[in-house]
Amino acid sequence: MAYEYSPELVIVSAGFDAAFGCPEGCMRIMPAAYGHIISSLMALAYGKVAVVLEGGYFVPTVAEGSAMCLRALLGDYCLSLV
């Protein structure tokens, strides 16, 4: 659906509460999944993606999720989800 709108910029509000280990979100998304999501979004808007970090409650989860997003933004390979 996003291709139909052909955006000029993609802005992502990066909250990592859904990541594995965060006591607030209590979900089980691996931090490496965030890198995969960002790299998929890089196909839109000619790669113009802004990832805006929200505040976080569980610092280790925020740190690892941020690192995975940064790797994807820099064009580095994404870690395996297995």
C-alpha atoms as a PDB file:
ATOM      1  CA  MET A   1       0.000   0.000   0.000  1.00  0.00           C
ATOM      2  CA  ALA A   2       2.861   2.385   0.748  1.00  0.00           C
ATOM      3  CA  TYR A   3       4.083   2.092  -2.843  1.00  0.00           C
ATOM      4  CA  GLU A   4       0.786   3.539  -4.078  1.00  0.00           C
ATOM      5  CA  TYR A   5       1.415   6.777  -2.186  1.00  0.00           C
ATOM      6  CA  SER A   6       5.100   6.961  -3.237  1.00  0.00           C
ATOM      7  CA  PRO A   7       6.227   8.920  -0.176  1.00  0.00           C
ATOM      8  CA  GLU A   8       9.074  11.398  -0.292  1.00  0.00           C
ATOM      9  CA  LEU A   9      10.128  10.641   3.289  1.00  0.00           C
ATOM     10  CA  VAL A  10       9.396   7.815   5.717  1.00  0.00           C
ATOM     11  CA  ILE A  11       9.391   8.702   9.420  1.00  0.00           C
ATOM     12  CA  VAL A  12       9.477   5.847  11.911  1.00  0.00           C
ATOM     13  CA  SER A  13       8.639   6.364  15.571  1.00  0.00           C
ATOM     14  CA  ALA A  14      11.025   3.843  17.116  1.00  0.00           C
ATOM     15  CA  GLY A  15       9.725   2.520  20.387  1.00  0.00           C
ATOM     16  CA  PHE A  16      11.256  -0.736  21.528  1.00  0.00           C
ATOM     17  CA  ASP A  17       8.651  -1.740  24.102  1.00  0.00           C
ATOM     18  CA  ALA A  18       7.682  -4.777  22.040  1.00  0.00           C
ATOM     19  CA  ALA A  19      11.204  -6.200  22.134  1.00  0.00           C
ATOM     20  CA  PHE A  20      12.119  -9.371  23.958  1.00  0.00           C
ATOM     21  CA  GLY A  21      13.111  -8.634  27.547  1.00  0.00           C
ATOM     22  CA  CYS A  22      11.252  -5.359  28.055  1.00  0.00           C
ATOM     23  CA  PRO A  23       9.064  -5.716  31.171  1.00  0.00           C
ATOM     24  CA  GLU A  24       6.689  -2.957  29.998  1.00  0.00           C
ATOM     25  CA  GLY A  25       5.723  -4.439  26.640  1.00  0.00           C
ATOM     26  CA  CYS A  26       6.002  -8.126  27.601  1.00  0.00           C
ATOM     27  CA  MET A  27       6.280  -9.122  23.935  1.00  0.00           C
ATOM     28  CA  ARG A  28       8.816 -11.288  22.173  1.00  0.00           C
ATOM     29  CA  ILE A  29      10.093  -9.430  19.107  1.00  0.00           C
ATOM     30  CA  MET A  30      13.818 -10.010  18.714  1.00  0.00           C
ATOM     31  CA  PRO A  31      15.832  -6.776  18.414  1.00  0.00           C
ATOM     32  CA  ALA A  32      17.208  -7.990  15.075  1.00  0.00           C
ATOM     33  CA  ALA A  33      13.661  -7.731  13.672  1.00  0.00           C
ATOM     34  CA  TYR A  34      13.859  -3.955  13.923  1.00  0.00           C
ATOM     35  CA  GLY A  35      16.758  -3.953  11.467  1.00  0.00           C
ATOM     36  CA  HIS A  36      14.734  -6.037   9.031  1.00  0.00           C
ATOM     37  CA  ILE A  37      11.780  -3.663   9.290  1.00  0.00           C
ATOM     38  CA  ILE A  38      13.969  -0.611   8.663  1.00  0.00           C
ATOM     39  CA  SER A  39      15.751  -2.231   5.720  1.00  0.00           C
ATOM     40  CA  SER A  40      12.363  -3.069   4.186  1.00  0.00           C
ATOM     41  CA  LEU A  41      11.268   0.548   4.559  1.00  0.00           C
ATOM     42  CA  MET A  42      14.468   1.711   2.849  1.00  0.00           C
ATOM     43  CA  ALA A  43      12.893   0.600  -0.440  1.00  0.00           C
ATOM     44  CA  LEU A  44      10.425   3.478  -0.084  1.00  0.00           C
ATOM     45  CA  ALA A  45      11.168   7.168  -0.682  1.00  0.00           C
ATOM     46  CA  TYR A  46      14.496   6.403  -2.370  1.00  0.00           C
ATOM     47  CA  GLY A  47      15.934   5.334   0.973  1.00  0.00           C
ATOM     48  CA  LYS A  48      15.037   8.536   2.822  1.00  0.00           C
ATOM     49  CA  VAL A  49      14.060   7.126   6.205  1.00  0.00           C
ATOM     50  CA  ALA A  50      14.128   8.978   9.529  1.00  0.00           C
ATOM     51  CA  VAL A  51      14.068   6.849  12.667  1.00  0.00           C
ATOM     52  CA  VAL A  52      12.996   8.926  15.673  1.00  0.00           C
ATOM     53  CA  LEU A  53      13.836   7.342  19.003  1.00  0.00           C
ATOM     54  CA  GLU A  54      11.160   7.389  21.684  1.00  0.00           C
ATOM     55  CA  GLY A  55      11.966   7.215  25.349  1.00  0.00           C
ATOM     56  CA  GLY A  56      12.537   3.742  26.676  1.00  0.00           C
ATOM     57  CA  TYR A  57      11.984   1.951  29.937  1.00  0.00           C
ATOM     58  CA  PHE A  58      14.420  -0.934  29.629  1.00  0.00           C
ATOM     59  CA  VAL A  59      17.825   0.387  28.586  1.00  0.00           C
ATOM     60  CA  PRO A  60      19.317  -2.908  27.260  1.00  0.00           C
ATOM     61  CA  THR A  61      16.385  -3.367  24.884  1.00  0.00           C
ATOM     62  CA  VAL A  62      16.513   0.237  23.694  1.00  0.00           C
ATOM     63  CA  ALA A  63      20.270  -0.004  23.132  1.00  0.00           C
ATOM     64  CA  GLU A  64      20.103  -3.216  21.114  1.00  0.00           C
ATOM     65  CA  GLY A  65      17.069  -2.142  19.088  1.00  0.00           C
ATOM     66  CA  SER A  66      18.709   1.199  18.310  1.00  0.00           C
ATOM     67  CA  ALA A  67      21.892  -0.535  17.227  1.00  0.00           C
ATOM     68  CA  MET A  68      19.962  -2.789  14.846  1.00  0.00           C
ATOM     69  CA  CYS A  69      18.141   0.202  13.332  1.00  0.00           C
ATOM     70  CA  LEU A  70      21.399   2.099  12.918  1.00  0.00           C
ATOM     71  CA  ARG A  71      23.033  -0.875  11.193  1.00  0.00           C
ATOM     72  CA  ALA A  72      20.134  -1.023   8.742  1.00  0.00           C
ATOM     73  CA  LEU A  73      20.273   2.734   8.087  1.00  0.00           C
ATOM     74  CA  LEU A  74      24.000   2.488   7.369  1.00  0.00           C
ATOM     75  CA  GLY A  75      23.389  -0.304   4.875  1.00  0.00           C
ATOM     76  CA  ASP A  76      24.992  -3.055   6.934  1.00  0.00           C
ATOM     77  CA  TYR A  77      23.587  -6.571   6.745  1.00  0.00           C
ATOM     78  CA  CYS A  78      20.739  -7.571   9.046  1.00  0.00           C
ATOM     79  CA  LEU A  79      21.295 -10.259  11.642  1.00  0.00           C
ATOM     80  CA  SER A  80      19.493 -13.568  11.277  1.00  0.00           C
ATOM     81  CA  LEU A  81      16.135 -13.912  12.979  1.00  0.00           C
ATOM     82  CA  VAL A  82      16.619 -17.588  13.717  1.00  0.00           C
END
